[in-house]
Amino acid sequence: CRHEAASVVVSSRSYADFTPEATFDIKKVDLHRLEEGPPLTSTLTREDGLKYYRTMQTIRRMELKADQLYKQKIIRGFCHLYDGQEACAVGIEGGITLSDHLITAYRAHGYTLTRGGTVREIMAELTGRREGIAKGKGGSMHMYTKNFYGGNGIVGAQVPLGAGVALACKYLGTDQLCVSLYGDGAANQGQIFETYNMASLWKLPIIFICENNQYGMGTSVERASASTEYYKRGDFIPGLRVDGMDVLCVREATKFAADHCRSGKGPILMELQTYRYHGHSMSDPGVSYRTREEIQEVRSKSDPISMLKDRMLSNNMASVEELKEIDIEVRKEIEDAAQFATTDPEPPLDDLCSHIYANEKSFEVRGATPWTKLTSHS
């Protein structure tokens, strides 16, 4: 009944009454080896605002549902949730195109969605079902879509892989770039510094992005890094330090970084200062190394969804009822996907060795014993 009432209110108010676009002041970005940085204002259209709101709400609700299913032992194994960091994924995608490439670590559910995966495919992958985005064989950490290379479980290993993708972009002469993401916990990995060096020597079109959520597992950045200015870590590579809780701030910085790469200037580094509401993974309650008050303070002062919602409402870009309607639709989509993810069958053993290659004739694969034979299909 409430749902119907909300629909009536929305339909009774003409869309012409809303402000089609507005310009907002955004936080100044800290610069390293750059004369100029991204703009201090950002123009948001009503259409983009509603799209960003829906996507961030979908990621938030999807992660909360994953938490619930994990506690019910329906999702098992590794599971790293992205709630709190939604402005990073949505802002980055707002600054590049889907023909650009992206690779990230194991906190990958949000990027799988923004790169074109569906909630249904993601939830079914989390529960290891046949219609999952990786056919139930990848789980939480290994999801892929076109121009999205996962989901990688080895800390920091995705960064050199991203440089390889950027090298391919340059070699093939496309105007594309690669976004290579890692966390503050991976920022001290030697392979990241080796990659900086190669990317700089070869002027690769790559945006290195450190999603600094303040804790590498249970260790605060201050205890883990002699220098916490991650945007300066590239040394000879220009860097930006950005408010990662503001979707507009992230979008404008990403546009700036993308322009830098596409103009042939080589790599650039971005540090997004963000925060995760959950623990490192589902096996971490997240309150042994930080207080509940700290988490609550971030939620109340810097929540990325609330920040966007307040901007839109205070500038007459949307109504409370309209946003509530989106919330209802998102909740239903998540519930339907969760229902599907718990009823879809698990993949049969015959599928175990399929998809080793993208486009090859079927061939035989030896099983766990010499007399066990499986077939691999592309």
Protein backbone atom coordinates (compact mmCIF):
# COMPACT_ATOMS: atom_id res chain seq x y z
CA CYS A 1 0.00 0.00 0.00
CA ARG A 2 2.85 2.38 0.92
CA HIS A 3 4.53 1.42 -2.35
CA GLU A 4 1.42 2.48 -4.32
CA ALA A 5 1.17 5.74 -2.39
CA ALA A 6 4.79 6.59 -3.22
CA SER A 7 4.08 5.90 -6.92
CA VAL A 8 1.11 8.28 -6.86
CA VAL A 9 3.16 11.08 -5.28
CA VAL A 10 5.99 10.69 -7.82
CA SER A 11 3.63 10.62 -10.79
CA SER A 12 1.68 13.66 -9.54
CA ARG A 13 4.81 15.79 -9.67
CA SER A 14 6.02 16.66 -13.15
CA TYR A 15 9.66 15.88 -13.95
CA ALA A 16 9.84 19.38 -15.42
CA ASP A 17 9.70 20.70 -11.84
CA PHE A 18 13.15 19.29 -11.09
CA THR A 19 16.47 21.06 -11.68
CA PRO A 20 18.05 19.34 -14.71
CA GLU A 21 21.64 20.00 -13.57
CA ALA A 22 23.59 21.75 -10.82
CA THR A 23 27.21 22.66 -10.11
CA PHE A 24 28.81 21.74 -6.78
CA ASP A 25 31.99 22.77 -5.02
CA ILE A 26 34.22 19.77 -4.41
CA LYS A 27 37.22 19.24 -2.14
CA LYS A 28 40.61 20.37 -3.44
CA VAL A 29 42.80 17.48 -4.57
CA ASP A 30 46.38 17.21 -3.20
CA LEU A 31 48.92 17.14 -6.05
CA HIS A 32 52.31 15.51 -6.57
CA ARG A 33 54.52 16.55 -9.52
CA LEU A 34 51.61 18.37 -11.16
CA GLU A 35 51.20 22.09 -11.83
CA GLU A 36 47.42 21.88 -12.14
CA GLY A 37 44.84 19.42 -10.90
CA PRO A 38 41.17 18.56 -11.43
CA PRO A 39 38.58 21.38 -11.20
CA LEU A 40 37.21 22.58 -7.84
CA THR A 41 33.63 22.32 -9.10
CA SER A 42 31.64 19.50 -10.68
CA THR A 43 28.46 19.71 -12.74
CA LEU A 44 25.98 16.91 -12.13
CA THR A 45 22.95 16.24 -14.32
CA ARG A 46 19.78 14.91 -12.74
CA GLU A 47 20.03 11.83 -14.96
CA ASP A 48 23.60 11.03 -13.82
CA GLY A 49 22.70 11.76 -10.20
CA LEU A 50 19.84 9.25 -10.25
CA LYS A 51 22.05 6.70 -12.02
CA TYR A 52 24.89 7.08 -9.46
CA TYR A 53 22.39 6.89 -6.60
CA ARG A 54 20.83 3.68 -7.92
CA THR A 55 24.20 2.01 -8.57
CA MET A 56 25.61 2.91 -5.15
CA GLN A 57 22.43 1.73 -3.41
CA THR A 58 22.56 -1.52 -5.40
CA ILE A 59 26.16 -2.18 -4.33
CA ARG A 60 25.32 -1.32 -0.70
CA ARG A 61 22.23 -3.57 -0.56
CA MET A 62 23.97 -6.36 -2.45
CA GLU A 63 26.84 -6.40 0.07
CA LEU A 64 24.46 -6.36 3.04
CA LYS A 65 22.60 -9.32 1.53
CA ALA A 66 25.91 -11.13 0.98
CA ASP A 67 26.70 -10.57 4.67
CA GLN A 68 23.36 -12.13 5.60
CA LEU A 69 23.81 -15.15 3.28
CA TYR A 70 27.34 -15.69 4.58
CA LYS A 71 26.13 -15.80 8.17
CA GLN A 72 23.52 -18.35 7.08
CA LYS A 73 26.40 -20.43 5.57
CA ILE A 74 24.87 -20.17 2.10
CA ILE A 75 27.94 -18.22 0.90
CA ARG A 76 31.20 -19.83 2.02
CA GLY A 77 34.94 -19.25 1.70
CA PHE A 78 36.55 -15.84 1.19
CA CYS A 79 34.19 -12.88 1.01
CA HIS A 80 35.36 -9.24 1.11
CA LEU A 81 32.59 -6.64 1.16
CA TYR A 82 32.68 -3.19 -0.47
CA ASP A 83 30.05 -1.23 1.51
CA GLY A 84 31.33 2.25 2.39
CA GLN A 85 33.57 2.45 -0.69
CA GLU A 86 30.80 2.75 -3.32
CA ALA A 87 31.82 6.27 -4.43
CA CYS A 88 35.18 4.89 -5.61
CA ALA A 89 33.75 2.37 -8.10
CA VAL A 90 30.91 4.60 -9.31
CA GLY A 91 33.11 7.72 -9.54
CA ILE A 92 35.86 5.92 -11.47
CA GLU A 93 33.36 4.54 -13.97
CA GLY A 94 31.93 8.05 -14.37
CA GLY A 95 35.36 9.28 -15.48
CA ILE A 96 36.22 6.53 -18.01
CA THR A 97 34.26 4.44 -20.51
CA LEU A 98 33.35 0.74 -20.59
CA SER A 99 35.78 0.29 -23.52
CA ASP A 100 38.60 1.15 -21.09
CA HIS A 101 40.02 -1.68 -19.00
CA LEU A 102 39.94 -2.29 -15.25
CA ILE A 103 41.57 -4.76 -12.88
CA THR A 104 41.27 -4.89 -9.10
CA ALA A 105 42.04 -6.96 -6.01
CA TYR A 106 39.63 -9.30 -4.21
CA ARG A 107 37.11 -6.67 -2.99
CA ALA A 108 35.54 -6.88 -6.42
CA HIS A 109 31.73 -7.19 -6.19
CA GLY A 110 31.12 -3.46 -6.80
CA TYR A 111 33.35 -3.32 -9.88
CA THR A 112 31.77 -6.47 -11.31
CA LEU A 113 28.45 -4.61 -11.21
CA THR A 114 29.74 -1.30 -12.64
CA ARG A 115 31.58 -3.18 -15.41
CA GLY A 116 28.34 -4.72 -16.66
CA GLY A 117 27.64 -7.74 -14.47
CA THR A 118 24.12 -8.20 -13.09
CA VAL A 119 23.14 -8.56 -9.44
CA ARG A 120 21.72 -11.97 -10.25
CA GLU A 121 24.99 -13.18 -11.83
CA ILE A 122 27.05 -11.82 -8.93
CA MET A 123 24.85 -13.32 -6.20
CA ALA A 124 24.77 -16.69 -7.99
CA GLU A 125 28.57 -16.61 -8.23
CA LEU A 126 28.83 -15.90 -4.51
CA THR A 127 26.79 -19.03 -3.81
CA GLY A 128 28.75 -21.07 -6.39
CA ARG A 129 25.85 -21.72 -8.77
CA ARG A 130 25.73 -22.59 -12.47
CA GLU A 131 24.36 -19.23 -13.65
CA GLY A 132 27.00 -17.26 -11.73
CA ILE A 133 29.13 -14.79 -13.69
CA ALA A 134 32.06 -17.25 -13.63
CA LYS A 135 29.72 -20.27 -13.90
CA GLY A 136 30.01 -20.91 -10.16
CA LYS A 137 33.74 -21.65 -10.34
CA GLY A 138 35.19 -18.30 -9.29
CA GLY A 139 33.32 -17.28 -6.14
CA SER A 140 33.67 -13.90 -4.45
CA MET A 141 37.21 -13.10 -5.56
CA HIS A 142 37.20 -14.21 -9.20
CA MET A 143 34.52 -12.51 -11.29
CA TYR A 144 35.08 -11.18 -14.80
CA THR A 145 33.24 -9.26 -17.51
CA LYS A 146 34.31 -7.69 -20.81
CA ASN A 147 37.33 -5.41 -20.19
CA PHE A 148 37.28 -6.37 -16.49
CA TYR A 149 40.05 -8.73 -15.45
CA GLY A 150 38.87 -9.58 -11.94
CA GLY A 151 38.99 -10.09 -8.94
CA ASN A 152 42.58 -11.25 -7.99
CA GLY A 153 43.43 -13.07 -4.77
CA ILE A 154 47.20 -12.49 -4.54
CA VAL A 155 47.92 -9.21 -2.77
CA GLY A 156 49.23 -6.64 -5.27
CA ALA A 157 49.56 -9.13 -8.16
CA GLN A 158 46.88 -7.40 -10.24
CA VAL A 159 49.02 -4.24 -10.58
CA PRO A 160 51.64 -5.70 -12.98
CA LEU A 161 48.85 -7.51 -14.83
CA GLY A 162 47.15 -4.13 -15.30
CA ALA A 163 50.40 -2.75 -16.74
CA GLY A 164 50.35 -5.64 -19.21
CA VAL A 165 46.84 -4.66 -20.28
CA ALA A 166 48.02 -1.03 -20.67
CA LEU A 167 50.98 -2.23 -22.74
CA ALA A 168 48.51 -4.05 -25.02
CA CYS A 169 46.48 -0.80 -25.38
CA LYS A 170 49.63 1.06 -26.43
CA TYR A 171 50.88 -1.74 -28.69
CA LEU A 172 47.54 -2.01 -30.49
CA GLY A 173 47.34 1.78 -30.88
CA THR A 174 43.93 2.11 -29.27
CA ASP A 175 42.91 5.21 -27.32
CA GLN A 176 42.07 3.00 -24.33
CA LEU A 177 43.67 2.91 -20.89
CA CYS A 178 43.79 0.54 -17.94
CA VAL A 179 42.79 1.32 -14.35
CA SER A 180 44.82 -0.82 -11.96
CA LEU A 181 43.47 -0.82 -8.39
CA TYR A 182 45.06 -1.95 -5.14
CA GLY A 183 44.59 -1.23 -1.44
CA ASP A 184 46.76 0.47 1.16
CA GLY A 185 47.65 -3.02 2.42
CA ALA A 186 49.22 -3.89 -0.95
CA ALA A 187 50.94 -0.52 -1.36
CA ASN A 188 54.23 -1.76 0.13
CA GLN A 189 54.53 -4.71 -2.27
CA GLY A 190 57.77 -4.73 -4.26
CA GLN A 191 56.02 -5.73 -7.49
CA ILE A 192 54.04 -2.46 -7.41
CA PHE A 193 57.25 -0.40 -7.49
CA GLU A 194 58.68 -2.55 -10.29
CA THR A 195 55.48 -1.86 -12.22
CA TYR A 196 55.73 1.92 -11.60
CA ASN A 197 59.21 1.81 -13.12
CA MET A 198 58.24 -0.12 -16.26
CA ALA A 199 55.05 1.90 -16.78
CA SER A 200 57.00 5.14 -16.54
CA LEU A 201 59.81 4.01 -18.85
CA TRP A 202 57.32 2.84 -21.47
CA LYS A 203 54.84 5.68 -20.90
CA LEU A 204 51.96 3.23 -20.50
CA PRO A 205 48.35 4.52 -20.43
CA ILE A 206 47.63 3.31 -16.90
CA ILE A 207 45.96 4.90 -13.87
CA PHE A 208 47.32 3.32 -10.69
CA ILE A 209 44.66 3.72 -7.98
CA CYS A 210 45.27 3.05 -4.31
CA GLU A 211 41.94 2.63 -2.53
CA ASN A 212 43.12 3.67 0.93
CA ASN A 213 40.42 2.44 3.31
CA GLN A 214 42.70 3.13 6.30
CA TYR A 215 43.32 -0.53 7.27
CA GLY A 216 45.24 -3.36 5.60
CA MET A 217 43.37 -6.27 7.15
CA GLY A 218 43.55 -5.28 10.85
CA THR A 219 46.59 -2.99 10.62
CA SER A 220 46.14 0.78 10.39
CA VAL A 221 48.06 2.64 7.68
CA GLU A 222 50.15 4.43 10.32
CA ARG A 223 51.42 1.09 11.68
CA ALA A 224 52.03 -0.42 8.25
CA SER A 225 53.61 2.37 6.17
CA ALA A 226 56.57 4.65 6.93
CA SER A 227 54.91 7.11 4.53
CA THR A 228 51.12 7.19 4.33
CA GLU A 229 51.13 9.67 1.43
CA TYR A 230 50.37 6.92 -1.07
CA TYR A 231 49.81 9.38 -3.92
CA LYS A 232 53.50 10.35 -3.70
CA ARG A 233 54.73 6.75 -3.69
CA GLY A 234 55.21 6.70 -7.46
CA ASP A 235 58.06 9.22 -6.90
CA PHE A 236 58.66 10.08 -10.58
CA ILE A 237 54.97 9.45 -11.44
CA PRO A 238 52.50 12.35 -10.95
CA GLY A 239 49.95 11.75 -8.18
CA LEU A 240 46.58 12.92 -6.83
CA ARG A 241 45.08 12.46 -3.37
CA VAL A 242 41.29 12.49 -3.61
CA ASP A 243 38.28 12.36 -1.28
CA GLY A 244 37.13 8.82 -2.07
CA MET A 245 33.82 9.27 -0.22
CA ASP A 246 32.57 11.88 -2.71
CA VAL A 247 31.46 10.39 -6.03
CA LEU A 248 31.85 13.75 -7.83
CA CYS A 249 35.38 14.26 -6.48
CA VAL A 250 36.38 10.79 -7.68
CA ARG A 251 34.73 11.32 -11.08
CA GLU A 252 36.50 14.63 -11.77
CA ALA A 253 39.89 13.26 -10.64
CA THR A 254 39.44 10.17 -12.83
CA LYS A 255 38.55 12.33 -15.86
CA PHE A 256 41.70 14.38 -15.22
CA ALA A 257 43.83 11.23 -14.88
CA ALA A 258 42.30 9.68 -18.02
CA ASP A 259 43.07 12.82 -20.05
CA HIS A 260 46.67 12.66 -18.78
CA CYS A 261 47.01 9.03 -19.98
CA ARG A 262 45.29 9.54 -23.32
CA SER A 263 47.50 12.52 -24.17
CA GLY A 264 50.55 10.24 -24.12
CA LYS A 265 52.06 11.49 -20.85
CA GLY A 266 52.30 8.01 -19.38
CA PRO A 267 51.09 6.71 -16.00
CA ILE A 268 49.46 8.66 -13.18
CA LEU A 269 48.71 7.65 -9.59
CA MET A 270 45.56 8.33 -7.57
CA GLU A 271 44.99 7.74 -3.87
CA LEU A 272 41.32 7.56 -2.92
CA GLN A 273 40.78 8.16 0.79
CA THR A 274 37.86 5.94 1.65
CA TYR A 275 36.53 3.63 4.39
CA ARG A 276 35.04 0.16 4.61
CA TYR A 277 32.16 -0.42 7.01
CA HIS A 278 32.64 -4.19 7.27
CA GLY A 279 35.77 -5.96 8.45
CA HIS A 280 38.54 -6.94 6.03
CA SER A 281 36.64 -10.13 5.16
CA MET A 282 33.69 -11.96 6.65
CA SER A 283 36.03 -13.72 9.10
CA ASP A 284 36.96 -10.30 10.57
CA PRO A 285 34.32 -8.67 12.83
CA GLY A 286 36.11 -5.36 12.16
CA VAL A 287 35.91 -3.95 15.69
CA SER A 288 39.00 -5.41 17.40
CA TYR A 289 41.36 -2.80 15.88
CA ARG A 290 38.93 0.15 15.59
CA THR A 291 35.96 1.29 17.63
CA ARG A 292 32.30 1.09 16.72
CA GLU A 293 32.20 4.85 17.35
CA GLU A 294 34.81 5.43 14.61
CA ILE A 295 32.74 3.47 12.09
CA GLN A 296 29.56 5.29 13.16
CA GLU A 297 31.24 8.69 12.83
CA VAL A 298 32.25 7.98 9.22
CA ARG A 299 28.73 6.73 8.46
CA SER A 300 27.13 9.86 9.90
CA LYS A 301 29.54 12.44 8.42
CA SER A 302 30.94 11.03 5.16
CA ASP A 303 28.63 8.33 3.82
CA PRO A 304 28.88 8.47 -0.01
CA ILE A 305 25.20 7.67 -0.62
CA SER A 306 23.91 10.16 1.97
CA MET A 307 26.22 12.86 0.56
CA LEU A 308 24.86 12.44 -2.98
CA LYS A 309 21.26 12.19 -1.72
CA ASP A 310 21.58 15.44 0.29
CA ARG A 311 23.05 17.29 -2.68
CA MET A 312 20.24 16.18 -4.97
CA LEU A 313 17.45 16.94 -2.50
CA SER A 314 18.81 20.34 -1.46
CA ASN A 315 19.12 21.40 -5.11
CA ASN A 316 15.66 20.14 -6.13
CA MET A 317 17.17 17.50 -8.45
CA ALA A 318 14.96 14.72 -7.04
CA SER A 319 12.22 14.22 -4.47
CA VAL A 320 12.37 12.11 -1.32
CA GLU A 321 9.57 9.95 -2.74
CA GLU A 322 11.45 9.34 -5.99
CA LEU A 323 14.60 8.20 -4.15
CA LYS A 324 12.46 5.98 -1.88
CA GLU A 325 10.98 4.44 -5.01
CA ILE A 326 14.50 3.63 -6.24
CA ASP A 327 15.31 2.10 -2.83
CA ILE A 328 12.22 -0.15 -3.07
CA GLU A 329 13.16 -1.26 -6.62
CA VAL A 330 16.76 -1.98 -5.55
CA ARG A 331 15.64 -4.01 -2.53
CA LYS A 332 13.34 -6.08 -4.73
CA GLU A 333 16.11 -6.69 -7.27
CA ILE A 334 18.45 -7.88 -4.49
CA GLU A 335 15.80 -10.13 -2.92
CA ASP A 336 14.97 -11.70 -6.30
CA ALA A 337 18.67 -12.25 -7.02
CA ALA A 338 19.23 -13.81 -3.59
CA GLN A 339 16.27 -16.12 -4.12
CA PHE A 340 17.69 -17.18 -7.49
CA ALA A 341 21.19 -17.63 -6.02
CA THR A 342 19.88 -20.08 -3.43
CA THR A 343 17.77 -22.17 -5.83
CA ASP A 344 19.92 -22.27 -9.00
CA PRO A 345 21.70 -25.66 -9.25
CA GLU A 346 25.42 -26.03 -8.58
CA PRO A 347 27.59 -26.70 -11.67
CA PRO A 348 27.99 -30.41 -12.49
CA LEU A 349 31.39 -32.13 -12.22
CA ASP A 350 31.46 -32.36 -16.04
CA ASP A 351 31.92 -28.55 -16.17
CA LEU A 352 35.02 -28.60 -13.95
CA CYS A 353 37.60 -28.30 -16.74
CA SER A 354 35.61 -26.21 -19.21
CA HIS A 355 36.62 -22.65 -20.16
CA ILE A 356 40.37 -23.23 -19.86
CA TYR A 357 40.56 -21.56 -23.28
CA ALA A 358 38.23 -18.99 -24.81
CA ASN A 359 38.13 -20.48 -28.28
CA GLU A 360 39.58 -23.97 -28.69
CA LYS A 361 38.26 -27.33 -29.82
CA SER A 362 37.17 -29.62 -26.99
CA PHE A 363 39.99 -31.68 -25.50
CA GLU A 364 40.51 -34.26 -22.76
CA VAL A 365 41.86 -33.29 -19.34
CA ARG A 366 43.27 -35.78 -16.85
CA GLY A 367 41.35 -35.88 -13.58
CA ALA A 368 42.59 -36.52 -10.05
CA THR A 369 43.66 -40.02 -11.11
CA PRO A 370 45.06 -41.25 -14.45
CA TRP A 371 41.84 -43.15 -15.17
CA THR A 372 39.57 -40.15 -14.52
CA LYS A 373 38.98 -38.25 -17.76
CA LEU A 374 37.21 -34.90 -18.08
CA THR A 375 36.50 -32.81 -21.18
CA SER A 376 37.25 -29.12 -21.58
CA HIS A 377 34.86 -27.07 -23.71
CA SER A 378 35.39 -23.41 -24.65
